[in-house]
Protein backbone atom coordinates (compact mmCIF):
# COMPACT_ATOMS: atom_id res chain seq x y z
CA MET A 1 -38.79 -93.42 -137.03
CA SER A 2 -36.29 -90.67 -136.21
CA ILE A 3 -36.51 -88.70 -132.98
CA GLU A 4 -37.52 -85.09 -133.62
CA LEU A 5 -35.07 -82.49 -132.28
CA SER A 6 -38.02 -80.47 -131.00
CA SER A 7 -38.70 -83.25 -128.49
CA ILE A 8 -35.26 -82.65 -126.97
CA PHE A 9 -34.39 -78.98 -127.47
CA LYS A 10 -36.60 -75.94 -126.96
CA ALA A 11 -34.80 -73.83 -129.55
CA SER A 12 -34.86 -74.32 -133.29
CA LYS A 13 -31.37 -74.89 -134.67
CA PRO A 14 -29.96 -75.71 -131.21
CA ILE A 15 -26.47 -74.74 -130.09
CA ILE A 16 -24.90 -77.55 -128.06
CA GLY A 17 -21.91 -76.72 -125.87
CA MET A 18 -19.14 -79.17 -125.02
CA VAL A 19 -18.30 -80.15 -121.45
CA HIS A 20 -14.87 -81.79 -121.63
CA LEU A 21 -14.45 -84.09 -118.65
CA PRO A 22 -11.16 -84.66 -116.80
CA ALA A 23 -9.12 -87.60 -118.07
CA SER A 24 -10.55 -91.01 -117.19
CA PRO A 25 -8.81 -93.63 -115.02
CA GLY A 26 -6.32 -95.66 -117.00
CA GLN A 27 -5.54 -92.77 -119.36
CA PRO A 28 -2.12 -91.07 -119.59
CA GLN A 29 -3.41 -87.72 -118.26
CA PHE A 30 -5.22 -89.23 -115.27
CA LYS A 31 -3.43 -88.47 -112.00
CA SER A 32 -2.94 -90.90 -109.15
CA LYS A 33 -5.10 -90.01 -106.15
CA PRO A 34 -7.03 -87.32 -108.03
CA ASP A 35 -8.57 -84.33 -106.29
CA LEU A 36 -12.19 -85.25 -106.98
CA LYS A 37 -13.59 -82.12 -105.38
CA ALA A 38 -11.46 -79.91 -107.64
CA MET A 39 -12.41 -81.93 -110.72
CA ILE A 40 -16.12 -81.76 -109.94
CA ALA A 41 -15.82 -78.03 -109.25
CA ALA A 42 -14.19 -77.51 -112.66
CA VAL A 43 -16.93 -79.43 -114.47
CA THR A 44 -19.58 -77.56 -112.48
CA ALA A 45 -18.03 -74.23 -113.50
CA ASP A 46 -18.07 -75.20 -117.18
CA VAL A 47 -21.70 -76.33 -116.96
CA LYS A 48 -22.68 -73.08 -115.23
CA ALA A 49 -20.90 -70.91 -117.80
CA LEU A 50 -22.60 -72.69 -120.69
CA GLN A 51 -26.07 -72.70 -119.15
CA ASP A 52 -25.88 -69.09 -117.93
CA GLY A 53 -24.65 -68.04 -121.37
CA GLY A 54 -27.82 -69.29 -123.04
CA ILE A 55 -26.68 -72.51 -124.68
CA ASP A 56 -29.43 -74.96 -125.71
CA GLY A 57 -27.85 -78.27 -124.71
CA LEU A 58 -24.71 -79.85 -123.28
CA LEU A 59 -22.49 -82.65 -124.55
CA PHE A 60 -20.23 -84.45 -122.06
CA CYS A 61 -17.13 -85.93 -123.70
CA ASN A 62 -13.90 -87.67 -122.68
CA GLU A 63 -11.83 -85.33 -124.87
CA SER A 64 -8.87 -85.51 -122.47
CA ASP A 65 -8.40 -89.26 -122.98
CA LEU A 66 -5.56 -88.89 -125.47
CA PRO A 67 -4.58 -90.82 -127.50
CA TYR A 68 -8.05 -91.96 -128.50
CA THR A 69 -9.20 -95.50 -129.13
CA THR A 70 -12.04 -97.14 -131.05
CA ARG A 71 -13.08 -99.21 -128.02
CA VAL A 72 -12.96 -97.75 -124.51
CA ASN A 73 -12.47 -99.76 -121.33
CA SER A 74 -15.28 -100.07 -118.79
CA GLU A 75 -13.70 -97.60 -116.37
CA VAL A 76 -14.20 -94.81 -118.91
CA GLY A 77 -17.96 -95.27 -118.89
CA ALA A 78 -17.94 -95.58 -115.10
CA TRP A 79 -15.95 -92.34 -114.76
CA THR A 80 -18.24 -90.52 -117.19
CA THR A 81 -21.44 -91.51 -115.41
CA PHE A 82 -19.83 -90.65 -112.05
CA MET A 83 -18.84 -87.16 -113.20
CA ILE A 84 -22.24 -86.46 -114.77
CA GLY A 85 -23.95 -87.75 -111.65
CA ALA A 86 -21.81 -85.43 -109.52
CA VAL A 87 -23.18 -82.36 -111.36
CA HIS A 88 -26.62 -83.74 -112.18
CA ASP A 89 -28.43 -81.44 -109.75
CA GLN A 90 -26.99 -78.47 -111.65
CA LEU A 91 -28.20 -79.56 -115.08
CA LYS A 92 -31.05 -77.48 -116.48
CA LEU A 93 -30.70 -78.44 -120.15
CA PRO A 94 -30.86 -81.62 -122.22
CA TYR A 95 -27.47 -83.29 -122.39
CA GLY A 96 -25.67 -85.95 -124.35
CA VAL A 97 -22.68 -88.27 -124.08
CA ASN A 98 -19.74 -89.00 -126.38
CA LEU A 99 -17.04 -91.52 -125.45
CA LEU A 100 -14.43 -91.29 -128.20
CA TRP A 101 -14.61 -93.33 -130.47
CA ASP A 102 -16.94 -95.98 -129.13
CA PRO A 103 -20.67 -95.69 -129.97
CA ILE A 104 -21.65 -98.71 -127.87
CA ALA A 105 -19.97 -97.41 -124.69
CA SER A 106 -21.47 -93.99 -125.40
CA ILE A 107 -25.01 -95.38 -125.55
CA GLU A 108 -24.43 -97.46 -122.43
CA ALA A 109 -23.21 -94.44 -120.48
CA ALA A 110 -26.03 -92.26 -121.83
CA SER A 111 -28.67 -94.76 -120.77
CA ALA A 112 -27.21 -94.86 -117.25
CA CYS A 113 -27.05 -91.11 -116.65
CA GLY A 114 -30.27 -89.73 -118.12
CA ALA A 115 -28.85 -88.35 -121.33
CA SER A 116 -31.05 -87.43 -124.29
CA PHE A 117 -28.62 -88.01 -127.16
CA VAL A 118 -25.32 -89.60 -128.14
CA ARG A 119 -22.69 -88.37 -130.57
CA GLU A 120 -20.38 -90.85 -132.31
CA VAL A 121 -19.42 -92.46 -135.62
CA MET A 122 -22.19 -95.04 -136.05
CA CYS A 123 -21.97 -96.10 -139.68
CA GLY A 124 -19.46 -96.08 -142.51
CA SER A 125 -15.85 -97.24 -142.79
CA PHE A 126 -12.86 -94.97 -142.25
CA ALA A 127 -9.09 -95.03 -142.13
CA SER A 128 -8.35 -93.11 -138.94
CA ASP A 129 -5.41 -92.10 -136.81
CA MET A 130 -6.79 -94.51 -134.19
CA GLY A 131 -6.78 -97.44 -136.64
CA PRO A 132 -9.66 -98.75 -138.78
CA LEU A 133 -12.96 -97.18 -137.80
CA ALA A 134 -15.82 -99.45 -138.85
CA PRO A 135 -18.81 -99.37 -136.49
CA ASP A 136 -21.66 -101.84 -136.84
CA PRO A 137 -24.81 -99.73 -137.36
CA ALA A 138 -27.12 -102.67 -136.63
CA PHE A 139 -25.40 -103.35 -133.31
CA VAL A 140 -25.56 -99.64 -132.48
CA ALA A 141 -29.33 -99.59 -133.01
CA GLN A 142 -29.78 -102.90 -131.21
CA THR A 143 -27.86 -101.59 -128.19
CA ARG A 144 -30.27 -98.70 -127.83
CA THR A 145 -33.20 -101.14 -128.06
CA ARG A 146 -31.62 -103.61 -125.63
CA LEU A 147 -31.19 -100.89 -123.01
CA LYS A 148 -34.77 -99.66 -123.51
CA ALA A 149 -33.28 -96.31 -124.46
CA GLU A 150 -35.29 -95.53 -127.58
CA HIS A 151 -35.71 -91.98 -126.28
CA ILE A 152 -31.96 -91.35 -126.76
CA ALA A 153 -31.27 -89.73 -130.13
CA LEU A 154 -28.35 -91.06 -132.15
CA PHE A 155 -26.19 -88.37 -133.78
CA THR A 156 -23.82 -89.99 -136.27
CA ASN A 157 -20.65 -88.26 -137.41
CA ILE A 158 -20.24 -89.01 -141.13
CA VAL A 159 -17.17 -86.78 -141.59
CA PRO A 160 -15.22 -87.65 -138.45
CA GLU A 161 -12.11 -85.90 -137.20
CA PHE A 162 -8.77 -87.70 -137.63
CA ALA A 163 -10.24 -89.91 -140.39
CA SER A 164 -10.95 -90.37 -144.09
CA ALA A 165 -13.71 -92.44 -145.66
CA LEU A 166 -12.71 -95.70 -147.32
CA GLU A 167 -13.59 -96.81 -150.85
CA GLY A 168 -14.09 -93.26 -152.07
CA ARG A 169 -17.63 -92.99 -150.72
CA THR A 170 -18.83 -89.40 -150.96
CA VAL A 171 -20.35 -87.32 -148.19
CA ALA A 172 -23.66 -87.46 -150.06
CA GLN A 173 -23.57 -91.26 -150.14
CA ARG A 174 -22.76 -91.44 -146.43
CA ALA A 175 -25.50 -88.96 -145.59
CA LYS A 176 -28.09 -90.92 -147.55
CA ALA A 177 -27.07 -94.16 -145.81
CA ALA A 178 -27.29 -92.56 -142.35
CA GLU A 179 -30.77 -91.27 -143.17
CA TYR A 180 -31.86 -94.63 -144.59
CA PHE A 181 -30.60 -96.49 -141.51
CA GLY A 182 -32.77 -94.32 -139.27
CA PHE A 183 -30.24 -92.25 -137.37
CA ASP A 184 -31.58 -89.09 -135.79
CA ALA A 185 -29.02 -86.49 -136.92
CA ILE A 186 -25.95 -86.21 -139.13
CA LEU A 187 -22.76 -84.43 -138.06
CA ILE A 188 -20.15 -82.81 -140.30
CA SER A 189 -16.70 -82.20 -138.79
CA GLY A 190 -13.38 -80.64 -139.68
CA PRO A 191 -10.08 -82.55 -139.67
CA VAL A 192 -9.50 -82.16 -135.90
CA ALA A 193 -11.28 -80.74 -132.86
CA GLY A 194 -11.67 -76.98 -133.07
CA VAL A 195 -11.02 -76.80 -136.82
CA ALA A 196 -13.86 -75.71 -139.09
CA TYR A 197 -15.93 -78.14 -141.15
CA SER A 198 -16.01 -77.98 -144.94
CA SER A 199 -18.92 -75.93 -146.30
CA GLU A 200 -19.01 -78.26 -149.31
CA ASP A 201 -19.42 -81.28 -147.02
CA LEU A 202 -22.18 -79.56 -145.03
CA LEU A 203 -24.06 -78.64 -148.20
CA ALA A 204 -23.68 -82.11 -149.69
CA ALA A 205 -25.16 -83.72 -146.58
CA LYS A 206 -27.94 -81.16 -146.29
CA GLU A 207 -28.96 -81.47 -149.94
CA THR A 208 -28.99 -85.28 -149.77
CA ALA A 209 -30.52 -86.10 -146.38
CA LYS A 210 -33.84 -84.26 -146.50
CA LYS A 211 -35.58 -85.99 -143.59
CA ILE A 212 -33.11 -85.63 -140.70
CA PRO A 213 -31.15 -82.65 -139.33
CA VAL A 214 -27.54 -81.93 -140.23
CA PHE A 215 -25.22 -80.33 -137.66
CA ALA A 216 -21.89 -78.54 -137.98
CA ASN A 217 -19.77 -80.43 -135.47
CA THR A 218 -16.46 -78.55 -135.17
CA GLY A 219 -14.82 -75.17 -135.59
CA VAL A 220 -17.87 -72.91 -135.33
CA ASN A 221 -17.30 -69.58 -133.56
CA ALA A 222 -19.09 -66.27 -132.99
CA THR A 223 -17.99 -64.85 -136.33
CA THR A 224 -19.00 -67.87 -138.41
CA ILE A 225 -22.13 -69.16 -136.70
CA ALA A 226 -24.56 -66.93 -138.61
CA ASP A 227 -23.38 -68.27 -141.97
CA THR A 228 -23.28 -71.81 -140.58
CA LEU A 229 -26.90 -71.68 -139.48
CA LYS A 230 -28.00 -70.61 -142.96
CA ILE A 231 -27.29 -74.23 -143.90
CA ALA A 232 -27.01 -76.31 -140.74
CA ASP A 233 -29.87 -77.38 -138.49
CA GLY A 234 -27.73 -76.93 -135.39
CA VAL A 235 -24.20 -76.62 -134.08
CA ILE A 236 -21.97 -78.43 -131.61
CA ALA A 237 -19.29 -76.06 -130.31
CA GLY A 238 -16.45 -76.51 -127.86
CA SER A 239 -13.04 -74.93 -128.44
CA SER A 240 -14.38 -71.55 -129.53
CA MET A 241 -16.05 -71.09 -126.12
CA LYS A 242 -12.94 -71.95 -124.12
CA VAL A 243 -10.45 -69.49 -122.63
CA ASP A 244 -8.23 -68.25 -125.50
CA GLY A 245 -10.13 -70.60 -127.82
CA LYS A 246 -8.07 -73.61 -126.71
CA THR A 247 -9.82 -76.98 -126.44
CA PHE A 248 -8.56 -78.07 -123.03
CA ASN A 249 -8.99 -74.73 -121.26
CA PRO A 250 -12.01 -73.93 -119.06
CA VAL A 251 -15.15 -72.51 -120.63
CA ASP A 252 -15.02 -68.72 -120.99
CA PRO A 253 -18.42 -67.21 -120.03
CA LYS A 254 -17.82 -64.18 -122.27
CA ARG A 255 -17.19 -66.34 -125.32
CA VAL A 256 -20.35 -68.34 -124.65
CA ILE A 257 -22.45 -65.18 -124.57
CA GLU A 258 -20.81 -63.91 -127.77
CA LEU A 259 -21.50 -67.12 -129.66
CA VAL A 260 -25.08 -67.46 -128.43
CA SER A 261 -25.82 -63.80 -129.19
CA ALA A 262 -24.50 -64.19 -132.72
CA ALA A 263 -26.58 -67.35 -133.17
CA ASN A 264 -29.75 -65.71 -131.88
CA LYS A 265 -29.47 -62.99 -134.51
CA SER A 266 -29.65 -65.56 -137.28
CA ARG A 267 -32.35 -67.97 -136.06
């Protein structure tokens, strides 16, 4: 039985804003003897800008851990839960976790920090820039059960960034499988972070998976969100709400308000 979005988000067709965490220990961009107070202050500022701007949910992600891997080390999950814990008193909205590109570590971190959902690639087989991407959907579901975290919704990305599906399986086929396996939402992405999804892919998933929501996962901005929400059941947005629209910049409060205002006119 899938988790209903209405049990997590107050708004219909929710807009989820990205909180990109500072690079994790062990990653190339992590600095020796980091200024933790400054890092926490930066994350707090991004959370405040998103929440004050009227966003419906937050998604914490290790976007700065370049180059990405299909299996993260334990310190990444520890760092993620530490950073979320450091701003937990400021959180007023439901929030999720995404540790790229590891669904098991994502669920583990989510269960430890009070998250309501997880975003990752959870089924399918892909040739990716990080190497073969072939998650075990049974193990993903079993991990949620093992951690007594059945309240955490599983959002599976069936058109992942930096990747192409193997064996010529269509978006419609992948969407039907994700629905059949009992995942809670389907995500459709563009080729990389910040680049728009394919409308054809979004339509194919929406027309095939009738029982679970389909989200646009990348590249949505204030000028495109109205058309996106004519099809999609929700949006995950990051780069378009950053200063100058650049992924690794701080959140721009003005851009958040613009995107949310445009969304509210169409839902």
